[in-house]
Amino acid sequence: MKKRRWIAAMLCVGSLLTACGEKKTDAPKEMQYIKTSVFYATVMDMYQNPDAYLGGQYHFVGELYASTDSENGNVYYSVYGENPASPGSGIGIELSDCSFDGLEAGDTITVEGTLDSDKGDFEGKEREYLVLRVSSIEKRE
């Protein structure tokens, strides 16, 4: 499994595991437009305080990142933003429920969806991680 996906999963695992059972969310109901300038800080906060975001609708502009799971060959897609304090060290959210036809890794995309959590196997342990259930995605020119 690629390092970026693993890091993202580990950042949120502690917070999400404390939310076992019924998930209560304080997420706003209307679409939240996350500006590029606050992408990194917002996603970090999502991982650290998932209850404030889960179930909310979000609009991001970022880079499409693809990683391949070395165990099963599945390709996972995420939207990433750069950390302005440390270029090249971005953070992202996995994308699901959509077709990536016509898109390539590295494309700048606009994506909207609902933030949710999912479970997956990471180094032999089941972990929770954040995922954006995509309602629309398009390449930016």
C-alpha atoms as a PDB file:
ATOM      1  CA  MET A   1       0.000   0.000   0.000  1.00  0.00           C
ATOM      2  CA  LYS A   2       1.327   3.427  -0.884  1.00  0.00           C
ATOM      3  CA  LYS A   3       2.734   5.621   1.848  1.00  0.00           C
ATOM      4  CA  ARG A   4       0.316   8.528   1.310  1.00  0.00           C
ATOM      5  CA  ARG A   5      -2.777   6.376   1.823  1.00  0.00           C
ATOM      6  CA  TRP A   6      -1.249   4.776   4.896  1.00  0.00           C
ATOM      7  CA  ILE A   7      -0.361   8.147   6.437  1.00  0.00           C
ATOM      8  CA  ALA A   8      -3.848   9.484   5.797  1.00  0.00           C
ATOM      9  CA  ALA A   9      -5.429   6.428   7.372  1.00  0.00           C
ATOM     10  CA  MET A  10      -3.221   6.614  10.437  1.00  0.00           C
ATOM     11  CA  LEU A  11      -3.965  10.294  11.008  1.00  0.00           C
ATOM     12  CA  CYS A  12      -7.654   9.621  11.379  1.00  0.00           C
ATOM     13  CA  VAL A  13      -7.642   6.244  13.058  1.00  0.00           C
ATOM     14  CA  GLY A  14      -7.368   7.514  16.627  1.00  0.00           C
ATOM     15  CA  SER A  15     -10.207  10.001  16.290  1.00  0.00           C
ATOM     16  CA  LEU A  16     -12.521   7.683  14.414  1.00  0.00           C
ATOM     17  CA  LEU A  17     -12.069   4.808  16.805  1.00  0.00           C
ATOM     18  CA  THR A  18     -13.332   6.984  19.644  1.00  0.00           C
ATOM     19  CA  ALA A  19     -16.549   7.423  17.688  1.00  0.00           C
ATOM     20  CA  CYS A  20     -17.526   3.734  17.860  1.00  0.00           C
ATOM     21  CA  GLY A  21     -21.174   2.851  17.698  1.00  0.00           C
ATOM     22  CA  GLU A  22     -23.670   5.446  16.555  1.00  0.00           C
ATOM     23  CA  LYS A  23     -21.919   8.349  14.887  1.00  0.00           C
ATOM     24  CA  LYS A  24     -23.107  11.778  15.901  1.00  0.00           C
ATOM     25  CA  THR A  25     -22.110  14.539  13.542  1.00  0.00           C
ATOM     26  CA  ASP A  26     -22.101  18.281  13.812  1.00  0.00           C
ATOM     27  CA  ALA A  27     -21.407  18.691  10.090  1.00  0.00           C
ATOM     28  CA  PRO A  28     -23.196  21.519   8.286  1.00  0.00           C
ATOM     29  CA  LYS A  29     -25.975  20.414   5.923  1.00  0.00           C
ATOM     30  CA  GLU A  30     -25.207  22.796   3.041  1.00  0.00           C
ATOM     31  CA  MET A  31     -22.254  22.491   0.630  1.00  0.00           C
ATOM     32  CA  GLN A  32     -18.977  23.733   2.130  1.00  0.00           C
ATOM     33  CA  TYR A  33     -16.522  25.193  -0.391  1.00  0.00           C
ATOM     34  CA  ILE A  34     -12.992  24.499   0.846  1.00  0.00           C
ATOM     35  CA  LYS A  35     -10.619  27.107  -0.557  1.00  0.00           C
ATOM     36  CA  THR A  36      -7.274  25.942  -1.883  1.00  0.00           C
ATOM     37  CA  SER A  37      -5.487  28.149   0.665  1.00  0.00           C
ATOM     38  CA  VAL A  38      -7.052  26.217   3.581  1.00  0.00           C
ATOM     39  CA  PHE A  39      -7.243  22.750   1.968  1.00  0.00           C
ATOM     40  CA  TYR A  40      -4.365  21.279   3.985  1.00  0.00           C
ATOM     41  CA  ALA A  41      -5.489  22.711   7.346  1.00  0.00           C
ATOM     42  CA  THR A  42      -9.115  21.692   6.751  1.00  0.00           C
ATOM     43  CA  VAL A  43      -8.279  18.100   5.824  1.00  0.00           C
ATOM     44  CA  MET A  44      -5.945  17.808   8.834  1.00  0.00           C
ATOM     45  CA  ASP A  45      -8.810  19.008  11.040  1.00  0.00           C
ATOM     46  CA  MET A  46     -11.168  16.503   9.384  1.00  0.00           C
ATOM     47  CA  TYR A  47      -8.832  13.678  10.418  1.00  0.00           C
ATOM     48  CA  GLN A  48      -8.403  15.032  13.937  1.00  0.00           C
ATOM     49  CA  ASN A  49     -12.091  15.929  14.536  1.00  0.00           C
ATOM     50  CA  PRO A  50     -14.137  13.706  12.211  1.00  0.00           C
ATOM     51  CA  ASP A  51     -17.430  14.137  14.108  1.00  0.00           C
ATOM     52  CA  ALA A  52     -17.476  17.797  13.112  1.00  0.00           C
ATOM     53  CA  TYR A  53     -17.319  16.844   9.403  1.00  0.00           C
ATOM     54  CA  LEU A  54     -18.812  13.377   8.814  1.00  0.00           C
ATOM     55  CA  GLY A  55     -22.022  13.567   6.798  1.00  0.00           C
ATOM     56  CA  GLY A  56     -21.235  17.056   5.505  1.00  0.00           C
ATOM     57  CA  GLN A  57     -21.059  18.003   1.823  1.00  0.00           C
ATOM     58  CA  TYR A  58     -17.749  19.389   0.577  1.00  0.00           C
ATOM     59  CA  HIS A  59     -16.317  20.959  -2.572  1.00  0.00           C
ATOM     60  CA  PHE A  60     -12.557  20.646  -3.126  1.00  0.00           C
ATOM     61  CA  VAL A  61     -10.132  21.683  -5.827  1.00  0.00           C
ATOM     62  CA  GLY A  62      -6.952  19.635  -5.732  1.00  0.00           C
ATOM     63  CA  GLU A  63      -4.723  17.112  -7.436  1.00  0.00           C
ATOM     64  CA  LEU A  64      -5.979  13.646  -8.338  1.00  0.00           C
ATOM     65  CA  TYR A  65      -3.696  11.046  -6.812  1.00  0.00           C
ATOM     66  CA  ALA A  66      -3.811   7.331  -7.667  1.00  0.00           C
ATOM     67  CA  SER A  67      -2.240   4.563  -5.620  1.00  0.00           C
ATOM     68  CA  THR A  68      -2.196   0.834  -6.259  1.00  0.00           C
ATOM     69  CA  ASP A  69      -2.546  -1.666  -3.435  1.00  0.00           C
ATOM     70  CA  SER A  70       0.418  -4.006  -3.772  1.00  0.00           C
ATOM     71  CA  GLU A  71      -1.537  -6.914  -2.264  1.00  0.00           C
ATOM     72  CA  ASN A  72      -4.565  -6.979  -4.573  1.00  0.00           C
ATOM     73  CA  GLY A  73      -3.758  -4.542  -7.394  1.00  0.00           C
ATOM     74  CA  ASN A  74      -6.775  -2.308  -6.672  1.00  0.00           C
ATOM     75  CA  VAL A  75      -6.337   1.346  -7.607  1.00  0.00           C
ATOM     76  CA  TYR A  76      -7.483   3.959  -5.092  1.00  0.00           C
ATOM     77  CA  TYR A  77      -8.010   7.617  -5.948  1.00  0.00           C
ATOM     78  CA  SER A  78      -7.692  10.608  -3.648  1.00  0.00           C
ATOM     79  CA  VAL A  79      -7.836  14.380  -3.890  1.00  0.00           C
ATOM     80  CA  TYR A  80      -4.694  16.031  -2.489  1.00  0.00           C
ATOM     81  CA  GLY A  81      -3.597  19.519  -1.584  1.00  0.00           C
ATOM     82  CA  GLU A  82      -0.087  20.656  -0.821  1.00  0.00           C
ATOM     83  CA  ASN A  83       1.130  21.671   2.613  1.00  0.00           C
ATOM     84  CA  PRO A  84       2.296  25.246   2.033  1.00  0.00           C
ATOM     85  CA  ALA A  85       4.817  24.965   4.887  1.00  0.00           C
ATOM     86  CA  SER A  86       6.435  21.912   3.303  1.00  0.00           C
ATOM     87  CA  PRO A  87       6.045  21.593  -0.489  1.00  0.00           C
ATOM     88  CA  GLY A  88       5.664  18.007  -1.653  1.00  0.00           C
ATOM     89  CA  SER A  89       4.080  16.812   1.595  1.00  0.00           C
ATOM     90  CA  GLY A  90       0.400  16.866   0.790  1.00  0.00           C
ATOM     91  CA  ILE A  91      -2.558  15.270   2.478  1.00  0.00           C
ATOM     92  CA  GLY A  92      -5.724  13.976   0.908  1.00  0.00           C
ATOM     93  CA  ILE A  93      -9.022  12.217   1.164  1.00  0.00           C
ATOM     94  CA  GLU A  94      -9.883   9.007  -0.638  1.00  0.00           C
ATOM     95  CA  LEU A  95     -12.591   9.290  -3.312  1.00  0.00           C
ATOM     96  CA  SER A  96     -15.248   6.676  -4.020  1.00  0.00           C
ATOM     97  CA  ASP A  97     -18.534   6.038  -5.801  1.00  0.00           C
ATOM     98  CA  CYS A  98     -17.550   7.524  -9.149  1.00  0.00           C
ATOM     99  CA  SER A  99     -15.937   6.850 -12.498  1.00  0.00           C
ATOM    100  CA  PHE A 100     -12.457   8.189 -13.108  1.00  0.00           C
ATOM    101  CA  ASP A 101     -12.714   7.761 -16.899  1.00  0.00           C
ATOM    102  CA  GLY A 102     -10.986  10.614 -18.714  1.00  0.00           C
ATOM    103  CA  LEU A 103      -8.988  11.570 -15.622  1.00  0.00           C
ATOM    104  CA  GLU A 104      -5.331  10.869 -14.921  1.00  0.00           C
ATOM    105  CA  ALA A 105      -3.220  11.020 -11.799  1.00  0.00           C
ATOM    106  CA  GLY A 106      -1.816  14.522 -11.479  1.00  0.00           C
ATOM    107  CA  ASP A 107      -4.856  16.216 -13.020  1.00  0.00           C
ATOM    108  CA  THR A 108      -6.250  19.196 -11.162  1.00  0.00           C
ATOM    109  CA  ILE A 109      -9.852  18.349 -10.332  1.00  0.00           C
ATOM    110  CA  THR A 110     -12.956  19.838  -8.812  1.00  0.00           C
ATOM    111  CA  VAL A 111     -14.780  17.280  -6.696  1.00  0.00           C
ATOM    112  CA  GLU A 112     -17.906  17.393  -4.551  1.00  0.00           C
ATOM    113  CA  GLY A 113     -19.333  14.792  -2.227  1.00  0.00           C
ATOM    114  CA  THR A 114     -20.333  13.706   1.245  1.00  0.00           C
ATOM    115  CA  LEU A 115     -17.671  12.891   3.827  1.00  0.00           C
ATOM    116  CA  ASP A 116     -17.982   9.411   5.288  1.00  0.00           C
ATOM    117  CA  SER A 117     -15.771   6.837   6.969  1.00  0.00           C
ATOM    118  CA  ASP A 118     -14.915   3.358   5.787  1.00  0.00           C
ATOM    119  CA  LYS A 119     -12.930   0.412   7.105  1.00  0.00           C
ATOM    120  CA  GLY A 120      -9.995  -1.322   5.519  1.00  0.00           C
ATOM    121  CA  ASP A 121      -7.138  -3.656   6.286  1.00  0.00           C
ATOM    122  CA  PHE A 122      -3.854  -1.853   6.916  1.00  0.00           C
ATOM    123  CA  GLU A 123      -0.886  -4.091   7.703  1.00  0.00           C
ATOM    124  CA  GLY A 124      -3.135  -6.832   9.047  1.00  0.00           C
ATOM    125  CA  LYS A 125      -5.321  -4.586  11.216  1.00  0.00           C
ATOM    126  CA  GLU A 126      -8.752  -3.218  10.408  1.00  0.00           C
ATOM    127  CA  ARG A 127      -8.725   0.601  10.510  1.00  0.00           C
ATOM    128  CA  GLU A 128     -11.217   3.343   9.823  1.00  0.00           C
ATOM    129  CA  TYR A 129     -10.391   6.134   7.396  1.00  0.00           C
ATOM    130  CA  LEU A 130     -12.141   9.073   5.744  1.00  0.00           C
ATOM    131  CA  VAL A 131     -13.646   8.818   2.275  1.00  0.00           C
ATOM    132  CA  LEU A 132     -15.491  11.343   0.121  1.00  0.00           C
ATOM    133  CA  ARG A 133     -18.573   9.782  -1.509  1.00  0.00           C
ATOM    134  CA  VAL A 134     -18.362  11.657  -4.804  1.00  0.00           C
ATOM    135  CA  SER A 135     -21.445  13.281  -6.313  1.00  0.00           C
ATOM    136  CA  SER A 136     -19.540  15.142  -9.058  1.00  0.00           C
ATOM    137  CA  ILE A 137     -15.981  15.250 -10.335  1.00  0.00           C
ATOM    138  CA  GLU A 138     -14.413  17.064 -13.271  1.00  0.00           C
ATOM    139  CA  LYS A 139     -11.005  17.935 -14.630  1.00  0.00           C
ATOM    140  CA  ARG A 140     -10.035  21.603 -14.439  1.00  0.00           C
ATOM    141  CA  GLU A 141      -8.380  23.096 -17.471  1.00  0.00           C
END
